């Protein structure tokens, strides 16, 4: 399943495989996702669908009929830590932070990781996101290395 939607109050999951059905649901979470990633493509659902084709998965956490948190994730096999679930994006609504939405998604990710045979969960967080780092430390994450990047052809 590429796309899951969870009800915050009941933890009831809804998996949506049909791209036609999922497009309006993706649009409901677009503004929230842009709080973290303002440079997403203008056609947000098309970008997310392309990422689904490459193995990305998305979960939306819904409370009071509103998307309050989003997680974009993938599963990888690596040489340094084996099979892992990697959280690429985790964003909670700025207007609704500290209400348990991020922690609920992290618990959901733990369950998914175990179900998918991933003994490790990793995530990336930009160095300037101090509030997010405090949250991740409280949730049991630790820094295990550096993640380097550069523009292709910049050498």
N, C-alpha and C. Protein backbone atom coordinates (compact mmCIF):
# COMPACT_ATOMS: atom_id res chain seq x y z
N UNK A 1 0.83 -1.18 0.00
CA UNK A 1 0.00 0.00 0.00
C UNK A 1 0.89 1.25 0.00
N UNK A 2 0.59 2.19 -0.87
CA UNK A 2 1.37 3.42 -0.94
C UNK A 2 0.80 4.52 -0.07
N UNK A 3 -0.51 4.50 0.17
CA UNK A 3 -1.16 5.61 0.86
C UNK A 3 -2.09 5.09 1.93
N UNK A 4 -1.88 5.57 3.15
CA UNK A 4 -2.73 5.21 4.27
C UNK A 4 -3.25 6.49 4.92
N UNK A 5 -4.43 6.37 5.45
CA UNK A 5 -5.06 7.48 6.18
C UNK A 5 -5.53 6.91 7.51
N UNK A 6 -5.14 7.56 8.61
CA UNK A 6 -5.48 7.07 9.94
C UNK A 6 -6.38 8.08 10.64
N UNK A 7 -7.35 7.56 11.37
CA UNK A 7 -8.17 8.39 12.23
C UNK A 7 -7.47 8.50 13.58
N UNK A 8 -7.18 9.70 14.02
CA UNK A 8 -6.43 9.93 15.26
C UNK A 8 -7.14 9.35 16.47
N UNK A 9 -8.44 9.46 16.53
CA UNK A 9 -9.19 9.05 17.72
C UNK A 9 -9.40 7.54 17.80
N UNK A 10 -9.50 6.88 16.65
CA UNK A 10 -9.79 5.44 16.67
C UNK A 10 -8.64 4.59 16.17
N UNK A 11 -7.63 5.22 15.55
CA UNK A 11 -6.51 4.53 14.90
C UNK A 11 -6.99 3.65 13.76
N UNK A 12 -8.23 3.87 13.29
CA UNK A 12 -8.77 3.10 12.18
C UNK A 12 -8.04 3.48 10.89
N UNK A 13 -7.40 2.50 10.23
CA UNK A 13 -6.69 2.80 8.99
C UNK A 13 -7.58 2.67 7.76
N UNK A 14 -7.27 3.45 6.76
CA UNK A 14 -7.91 3.35 5.46
C UNK A 14 -6.79 3.36 4.43
N UNK A 15 -6.61 2.28 3.70
CA UNK A 15 -5.61 2.21 2.64
C UNK A 15 -6.31 2.46 1.31
N UNK A 16 -5.69 3.30 0.50
CA UNK A 16 -6.30 3.70 -0.76
C UNK A 16 -5.33 3.38 -1.89
N UNK A 17 -5.70 2.40 -2.73
CA UNK A 17 -4.85 2.01 -3.84
C UNK A 17 -5.20 2.70 -5.15
N UNK A 18 -6.42 3.14 -5.32
CA UNK A 18 -6.89 3.73 -6.57
C UNK A 18 -6.46 5.19 -6.66
N UNK A 19 -5.60 5.56 -7.63
CA UNK A 19 -5.13 6.95 -7.76
C UNK A 19 -6.26 7.97 -7.94
N UNK A 20 -7.36 7.57 -8.56
CA UNK A 20 -8.47 8.51 -8.76
C UNK A 20 -9.14 8.82 -7.42
N UNK A 21 -9.29 7.82 -6.59
CA UNK A 21 -9.89 8.01 -5.27
C UNK A 21 -8.94 8.76 -4.35
N UNK A 22 -7.65 8.51 -4.49
CA UNK A 22 -6.68 9.08 -3.57
C UNK A 22 -6.34 10.54 -3.88
N UNK A 23 -6.52 10.99 -5.13
CA UNK A 23 -6.16 12.37 -5.49
C UNK A 23 -6.81 13.42 -4.58
N UNK A 24 -8.14 13.39 -4.36
CA UNK A 24 -8.71 14.42 -3.48
C UNK A 24 -8.23 14.30 -2.04
N UNK A 25 -7.90 13.09 -1.61
CA UNK A 25 -7.36 12.91 -0.26
C UNK A 25 -5.96 13.49 -0.15
N UNK A 26 -5.15 13.29 -1.19
CA UNK A 26 -3.82 13.91 -1.21
C UNK A 26 -3.94 15.43 -1.17
N UNK A 27 -4.88 15.97 -1.93
CA UNK A 27 -5.07 17.43 -1.95
C UNK A 27 -5.44 17.96 -0.57
N UNK A 28 -6.17 17.18 0.22
CA UNK A 28 -6.53 17.61 1.57
C UNK A 28 -5.29 17.81 2.45
N UNK A 29 -4.22 17.09 2.16
CA UNK A 29 -3.00 17.20 2.96
C UNK A 29 -1.93 18.09 2.36
N UNK A 30 -2.19 18.61 1.16
CA UNK A 30 -1.15 19.37 0.46
C UNK A 30 -0.67 20.59 1.25
N UNK A 31 -1.58 21.42 1.74
CA UNK A 31 -1.17 22.64 2.46
C UNK A 31 -0.31 22.30 3.67
N UNK A 32 -0.66 21.24 4.38
CA UNK A 32 0.14 20.83 5.53
C UNK A 32 1.53 20.38 5.09
N UNK A 33 1.61 19.58 4.04
CA UNK A 33 2.91 19.11 3.57
C UNK A 33 3.78 20.29 3.14
N UNK A 34 3.16 21.31 2.55
CA UNK A 34 3.91 22.50 2.12
C UNK A 34 4.43 23.32 3.30
N UNK A 35 3.89 23.13 4.50
CA UNK A 35 4.47 23.81 5.67
C UNK A 35 5.91 23.37 5.86
N UNK A 36 6.21 22.12 5.55
CA UNK A 36 7.57 21.60 5.66
C UNK A 36 8.33 21.76 4.35
N UNK A 37 7.65 21.53 3.25
CA UNK A 37 8.29 21.52 1.92
C UNK A 37 7.59 22.51 0.98
N UNK A 38 7.84 23.80 1.12
CA UNK A 38 7.13 24.78 0.28
C UNK A 38 7.44 24.67 -1.21
N UNK A 39 8.53 24.04 -1.58
CA UNK A 39 8.92 23.95 -2.99
C UNK A 39 8.38 22.71 -3.70
N UNK A 40 7.41 22.03 -3.11
CA UNK A 40 6.81 20.88 -3.80
C UNK A 40 6.24 21.32 -5.14
N UNK A 41 6.13 20.38 -6.08
CA UNK A 41 5.59 20.68 -7.41
C UNK A 41 4.22 21.35 -7.32
N UNK A 42 3.91 22.16 -8.32
CA UNK A 42 2.59 22.80 -8.39
C UNK A 42 1.48 21.74 -8.43
N UNK A 43 1.74 20.64 -9.15
CA UNK A 43 0.78 19.54 -9.19
C UNK A 43 1.21 18.52 -8.14
N UNK A 44 0.88 18.83 -6.91
CA UNK A 44 1.28 18.01 -5.76
C UNK A 44 0.88 16.54 -5.91
N UNK A 45 -0.38 16.23 -6.23
CA UNK A 45 -0.73 14.81 -6.34
C UNK A 45 0.11 14.07 -7.39
N UNK A 46 0.42 14.73 -8.51
CA UNK A 46 1.23 14.08 -9.54
C UNK A 46 2.64 13.79 -9.02
N UNK A 47 3.22 14.72 -8.27
CA UNK A 47 4.54 14.48 -7.71
C UNK A 47 4.51 13.31 -6.74
N UNK A 48 3.52 13.27 -5.87
CA UNK A 48 3.43 12.19 -4.89
C UNK A 48 3.20 10.85 -5.61
N UNK A 49 2.37 10.84 -6.65
CA UNK A 49 2.15 9.60 -7.42
C UNK A 49 3.45 9.12 -8.07
N UNK A 50 4.27 10.05 -8.59
CA UNK A 50 5.58 9.65 -9.16
C UNK A 50 6.44 9.02 -8.07
N UNK A 51 6.39 9.59 -6.89
CA UNK A 51 7.18 9.06 -5.79
C UNK A 51 6.66 7.69 -5.36
N UNK A 52 5.34 7.51 -5.39
CA UNK A 52 4.78 6.18 -5.09
C UNK A 52 5.34 5.15 -6.05
N UNK A 53 5.45 5.52 -7.33
CA UNK A 53 5.98 4.59 -8.33
C UNK A 53 7.43 4.21 -8.04
N UNK A 54 8.14 5.05 -7.29
CA UNK A 54 9.53 4.78 -6.92
C UNK A 54 9.65 4.13 -5.54
N UNK A 55 8.53 3.80 -4.92
CA UNK A 55 8.57 3.10 -3.64
C UNK A 55 8.22 3.94 -2.43
N UNK A 56 7.97 5.23 -2.61
CA UNK A 56 7.58 6.06 -1.47
C UNK A 56 6.18 5.69 -1.00
N UNK A 57 5.92 5.97 0.25
CA UNK A 57 4.59 5.73 0.83
C UNK A 57 4.24 6.96 1.66
N UNK A 58 2.95 7.19 1.84
CA UNK A 58 2.49 8.37 2.56
C UNK A 58 1.40 7.97 3.54
N UNK A 59 1.46 8.57 4.71
CA UNK A 59 0.40 8.37 5.70
C UNK A 59 -0.10 9.75 6.14
N UNK A 60 -1.40 9.88 6.22
CA UNK A 60 -2.03 11.09 6.75
C UNK A 60 -2.74 10.72 8.05
N UNK A 61 -2.59 11.56 9.05
CA UNK A 61 -3.31 11.39 10.31
C UNK A 61 -4.41 12.45 10.34
N UNK A 62 -5.65 11.99 10.46
CA UNK A 62 -6.81 12.87 10.38
C UNK A 62 -7.48 12.97 11.75
N UNK A 63 -7.80 14.19 12.14
CA UNK A 63 -8.55 14.43 13.37
C UNK A 63 -9.58 15.52 13.07
N UNK A 64 -10.80 15.30 13.51
CA UNK A 64 -11.89 16.24 13.27
C UNK A 64 -12.00 16.59 11.78
N UNK A 65 -11.89 15.56 10.94
CA UNK A 65 -12.00 15.68 9.48
C UNK A 65 -10.95 16.59 8.84
N UNK A 66 -9.80 16.75 9.51
CA UNK A 66 -8.72 17.58 8.98
C UNK A 66 -7.41 16.82 9.09
N UNK A 67 -6.57 16.90 8.04
CA UNK A 67 -5.25 16.27 8.08
C UNK A 67 -4.39 17.08 9.04
N UNK A 68 -3.94 16.43 10.12
CA UNK A 68 -3.17 17.12 11.16
C UNK A 68 -1.69 16.75 11.15
N UNK A 69 -1.35 15.61 10.51
CA UNK A 69 0.05 15.21 10.42
C UNK A 69 0.22 14.33 9.19
N UNK A 70 1.42 14.38 8.62
CA UNK A 70 1.74 13.61 7.42
C UNK A 70 3.12 13.00 7.59
N UNK A 71 3.27 11.78 7.12
CA UNK A 71 4.57 11.14 7.07
C UNK A 71 4.80 10.55 5.69
N UNK A 72 5.93 10.87 5.10
CA UNK A 72 6.35 10.28 3.82
C UNK A 72 7.51 9.36 4.14
N UNK A 73 7.47 8.12 3.67
CA UNK A 73 8.45 7.13 4.10
C UNK A 73 8.75 6.11 3.01
N UNK A 74 9.83 5.39 3.21
CA UNK A 74 10.26 4.33 2.29
C UNK A 74 10.91 3.21 3.10
N UNK A 75 11.05 2.07 2.46
CA UNK A 75 11.78 0.95 3.04
C UNK A 75 13.00 0.69 2.16
N UNK A 76 14.15 0.55 2.80
CA UNK A 76 15.43 0.32 2.11
C UNK A 76 16.17 -0.85 2.74
N UNK A 77 16.98 -1.48 1.95
CA UNK A 77 17.99 -2.42 2.45
C UNK A 77 19.32 -1.72 2.29
N UNK A 78 20.08 -1.60 3.39
CA UNK A 78 21.36 -0.90 3.34
C UNK A 78 22.46 -1.78 3.91
N UNK A 79 23.71 -1.43 3.60
CA UNK A 79 24.84 -2.16 4.15
C UNK A 79 25.15 -1.74 5.57
N UNK A 80 24.77 -0.52 5.95
CA UNK A 80 25.16 -0.04 7.28
C UNK A 80 24.17 -0.38 8.38
N UNK A 81 22.91 -0.64 8.07
CA UNK A 81 21.99 -1.04 9.15
C UNK A 81 20.94 -2.04 8.69
N UNK A 82 21.15 -2.66 7.56
CA UNK A 82 20.21 -3.67 7.09
C UNK A 82 18.92 -3.05 6.56
N UNK A 83 17.86 -3.80 6.71
CA UNK A 83 16.55 -3.33 6.23
C UNK A 83 16.04 -2.27 7.20
N UNK A 84 15.62 -1.14 6.66
CA UNK A 84 15.18 -0.04 7.52
C UNK A 84 13.99 0.68 6.93
N UNK A 85 13.20 1.24 7.79
CA UNK A 85 12.12 2.14 7.40
C UNK A 85 12.67 3.54 7.59
N UNK A 86 12.65 4.34 6.54
CA UNK A 86 13.15 5.71 6.62
C UNK A 86 12.01 6.70 6.47
N UNK A 87 11.90 7.58 7.44
CA UNK A 87 10.92 8.66 7.39
C UNK A 87 11.59 9.84 6.69
N UNK A 88 11.07 10.17 5.54
CA UNK A 88 11.63 11.26 4.74
C UNK A 88 11.04 12.60 5.18
N UNK A 89 9.75 12.64 5.41
CA UNK A 89 9.05 13.85 5.87
C UNK A 89 8.13 13.45 7.01
N UNK A 90 8.16 14.22 8.07
CA UNK A 90 7.19 14.09 9.16
C UNK A 90 6.80 15.51 9.55
N UNK A 91 5.55 15.85 9.34
CA UNK A 91 5.10 17.21 9.64
C UNK A 91 3.76 17.17 10.36
N UNK A 92 3.70 17.94 11.45
CA UNK A 92 2.45 18.15 12.17
C UNK A 92 2.01 19.58 11.91
N UNK A 93 0.73 19.78 11.87
CA UNK A 93 0.17 21.10 11.64
C UNK A 93 0.71 22.10 12.66
N UNK A 94 1.24 23.23 12.18
CA UNK A 94 1.76 24.26 13.09
C UNK A 94 0.68 24.72 14.06
N UNK A 95 -0.55 24.76 13.62
CA UNK A 95 -1.65 25.22 14.47
C UNK A 95 -2.07 24.19 15.51
N UNK A 96 -1.60 22.95 15.36
CA UNK A 96 -2.05 21.88 16.26
C UNK A 96 -0.90 21.07 16.83
N UNK A 97 0.26 21.68 17.03
CA UNK A 97 1.40 20.96 17.57
C UNK A 97 1.21 20.66 19.05
N UNK A 98 1.95 19.70 19.53
CA UNK A 98 1.95 19.27 20.94
C UNK A 98 0.60 18.68 21.36
N UNK A 99 -0.08 18.04 20.43
CA UNK A 99 -1.35 17.36 20.75
C UNK A 99 -1.27 15.86 20.53
N UNK A 100 -0.05 15.37 20.29
CA UNK A 100 0.14 13.93 20.16
C UNK A 100 0.13 13.40 18.74
N UNK A 101 -0.01 14.26 17.76
CA UNK A 101 -0.09 13.79 16.37
C UNK A 101 1.24 13.19 15.89
N UNK A 102 2.34 13.88 16.15
CA UNK A 102 3.64 13.36 15.73
C UNK A 102 3.97 12.05 16.44
N UNK A 103 3.72 11.99 17.74
CA UNK A 103 3.99 10.77 18.51
C UNK A 103 3.12 9.62 18.02
N UNK A 104 1.88 9.92 17.66
CA UNK A 104 0.99 8.88 17.13
C UNK A 104 1.54 8.32 15.83
N UNK A 105 2.01 9.20 14.94
CA UNK A 105 2.60 8.69 13.69
C UNK A 105 3.87 7.90 13.96
N UNK A 106 4.71 8.34 14.89
CA UNK A 106 5.91 7.56 15.19
C UNK A 106 5.56 6.18 15.72
N UNK A 107 4.53 6.07 16.53
CA UNK A 107 4.08 4.75 16.99
C UNK A 107 3.59 3.91 15.82
N UNK A 108 2.86 4.54 14.91
CA UNK A 108 2.38 3.84 13.72
C UNK A 108 3.57 3.36 12.88
N UNK A 109 4.60 4.23 12.74
CA UNK A 109 5.80 3.84 11.99
C UNK A 109 6.50 2.66 12.66
N UNK A 110 6.57 2.63 13.98
CA UNK A 110 7.18 1.50 14.68
C UNK A 110 6.46 0.20 14.33
N UNK A 111 5.14 0.23 14.36
CA UNK A 111 4.36 -0.97 14.03
C UNK A 111 4.59 -1.37 12.58
N UNK A 112 4.62 -0.40 11.67
CA UNK A 112 4.86 -0.71 10.25
C UNK A 112 6.25 -1.30 10.06
N UNK A 113 7.25 -0.72 10.73
CA UNK A 113 8.62 -1.21 10.60
C UNK A 113 8.70 -2.68 11.02
N UNK A 114 8.11 -3.00 12.15
CA UNK A 114 8.14 -4.38 12.62
C UNK A 114 7.40 -5.30 11.66
N UNK A 115 6.24 -4.86 11.16
CA UNK A 115 5.46 -5.68 10.24
C UNK A 115 6.20 -5.92 8.92
N UNK A 116 7.06 -4.97 8.54
CA UNK A 116 7.80 -5.08 7.28
C UNK A 116 9.20 -5.66 7.47
N UNK A 117 9.50 -6.13 8.66
CA UNK A 117 10.81 -6.74 8.91
C UNK A 117 11.95 -5.75 8.96
N UNK A 118 11.68 -4.54 9.43
CA UNK A 118 12.70 -3.50 9.54
C UNK A 118 13.06 -3.30 11.01
N UNK A 119 14.24 -3.74 11.44
CA UNK A 119 14.61 -3.56 12.84
C UNK A 119 15.00 -2.12 13.18
N UNK A 120 15.17 -1.28 12.16
CA UNK A 120 15.62 0.09 12.37
C UNK A 120 14.70 1.06 11.67
N UNK A 121 14.42 2.18 12.35
CA UNK A 121 13.71 3.30 11.75
C UNK A 121 14.65 4.49 11.76
N UNK A 122 14.80 5.14 10.61
CA UNK A 122 15.66 6.31 10.50
C UNK A 122 14.82 7.48 9.99
N UNK A 123 15.34 8.68 10.21
CA UNK A 123 14.69 9.85 9.63
C UNK A 123 15.74 10.92 9.39
N UNK A 124 15.40 11.83 8.50
CA UNK A 124 16.25 12.98 8.21
C UNK A 124 15.58 14.22 8.75
N UNK A 125 16.38 15.11 9.32
CA UNK A 125 15.87 16.37 9.81
C UNK A 125 16.94 17.43 9.57
N UNK A 126 16.54 18.52 8.95
CA UNK A 126 17.49 19.60 8.64
C UNK A 126 18.11 20.14 9.92
N UNK A 127 19.36 20.56 9.83
CA UNK A 127 20.11 20.97 11.01
C UNK A 127 19.50 22.16 11.75
N UNK A 128 18.71 22.97 11.07
CA UNK A 128 18.13 24.16 11.71
C UNK A 128 16.81 23.89 12.44
N UNK A 129 16.31 22.66 12.43
CA UNK A 129 15.00 22.35 13.00
C UNK A 129 15.11 21.91 14.46
N UNK A 130 15.54 22.83 15.32
CA UNK A 130 15.80 22.52 16.73
C UNK A 130 14.58 21.94 17.46
N UNK A 131 13.39 22.50 17.24
CA UNK A 131 12.19 21.98 17.93
C UNK A 131 11.94 20.53 17.52
N UNK A 132 12.10 20.24 16.25
CA UNK A 132 11.90 18.87 15.78
C UNK A 132 12.93 17.95 16.42
N UNK A 133 14.16 18.41 16.55
CA UNK A 133 15.21 17.56 17.13
C UNK A 133 14.89 17.23 18.59
N UNK A 134 14.43 18.22 19.34
CA UNK A 134 14.05 17.95 20.73
C UNK A 134 12.96 16.87 20.79
N UNK A 135 11.99 16.99 19.90
CA UNK A 135 10.92 15.99 19.84
C UNK A 135 11.49 14.60 19.52
N UNK A 136 12.36 14.51 18.51
CA UNK A 136 12.91 13.21 18.12
C UNK A 136 13.75 12.61 19.25
N UNK A 137 14.53 13.42 19.94
CA UNK A 137 15.30 12.91 21.09
C UNK A 137 14.35 12.36 22.16
N UNK A 138 13.28 13.11 22.47
CA UNK A 138 12.30 12.64 23.46
C UNK A 138 11.68 11.32 23.04
N UNK A 139 11.54 11.10 21.74
CA UNK A 139 10.92 9.89 21.22
C UNK A 139 11.92 8.75 21.04
N UNK A 140 13.17 8.93 21.49
CA UNK A 140 14.15 7.85 21.50
C UNK A 140 15.08 7.79 20.30
N UNK A 141 15.04 8.76 19.42
CA UNK A 141 15.98 8.79 18.29
C UNK A 141 17.31 9.36 18.76
N UNK A 142 18.36 9.00 18.07
CA UNK A 142 19.67 9.56 18.34
C UNK A 142 20.37 9.84 17.01
N UNK A 143 21.37 10.68 17.07
CA UNK A 143 22.13 11.03 15.87
C UNK A 143 23.19 9.96 15.67
N UNK A 144 23.15 9.33 14.48
CA UNK A 144 24.11 8.25 14.22
C UNK A 144 25.13 8.62 13.14
N UNK A 145 24.99 9.78 12.53
CA UNK A 145 25.95 10.16 11.50
C UNK A 145 25.54 11.47 10.86
N UNK A 146 26.27 11.84 9.84
CA UNK A 146 25.97 13.02 9.05
C UNK A 146 25.37 12.60 7.73
N UNK A 147 24.52 13.43 7.19
CA UNK A 147 23.95 13.21 5.86
C UNK A 147 24.47 14.35 4.99
N UNK A 148 25.33 14.06 4.02
CA UNK A 148 25.92 15.07 3.18
C UNK A 148 25.18 15.15 1.85
N UNK A 149 25.16 16.33 1.27
CA UNK A 149 24.58 16.49 -0.07
C UNK A 149 25.29 17.62 -0.80
N UNK A 150 25.19 17.59 -2.10
CA UNK A 150 25.65 18.68 -2.95
C UNK A 150 24.90 18.59 -4.26
N UNK A 151 24.87 19.66 -5.01
CA UNK A 151 24.24 19.68 -6.31
C UNK A 151 25.07 18.81 -7.27
N UNK A 152 24.40 18.03 -8.09
CA UNK A 152 25.10 17.17 -9.06
C UNK A 152 25.93 18.03 -10.00
N UNK A 153 27.16 17.59 -10.28
CA UNK A 153 28.05 18.31 -11.16
C UNK A 153 28.77 19.48 -10.50
N UNK A 154 28.67 19.59 -9.19
CA UNK A 154 29.26 20.75 -8.47
C UNK A 154 30.72 20.53 -8.09
N UNK A 155 31.26 19.37 -8.37
CA UNK A 155 32.63 19.08 -7.94
C UNK A 155 33.66 19.85 -8.74
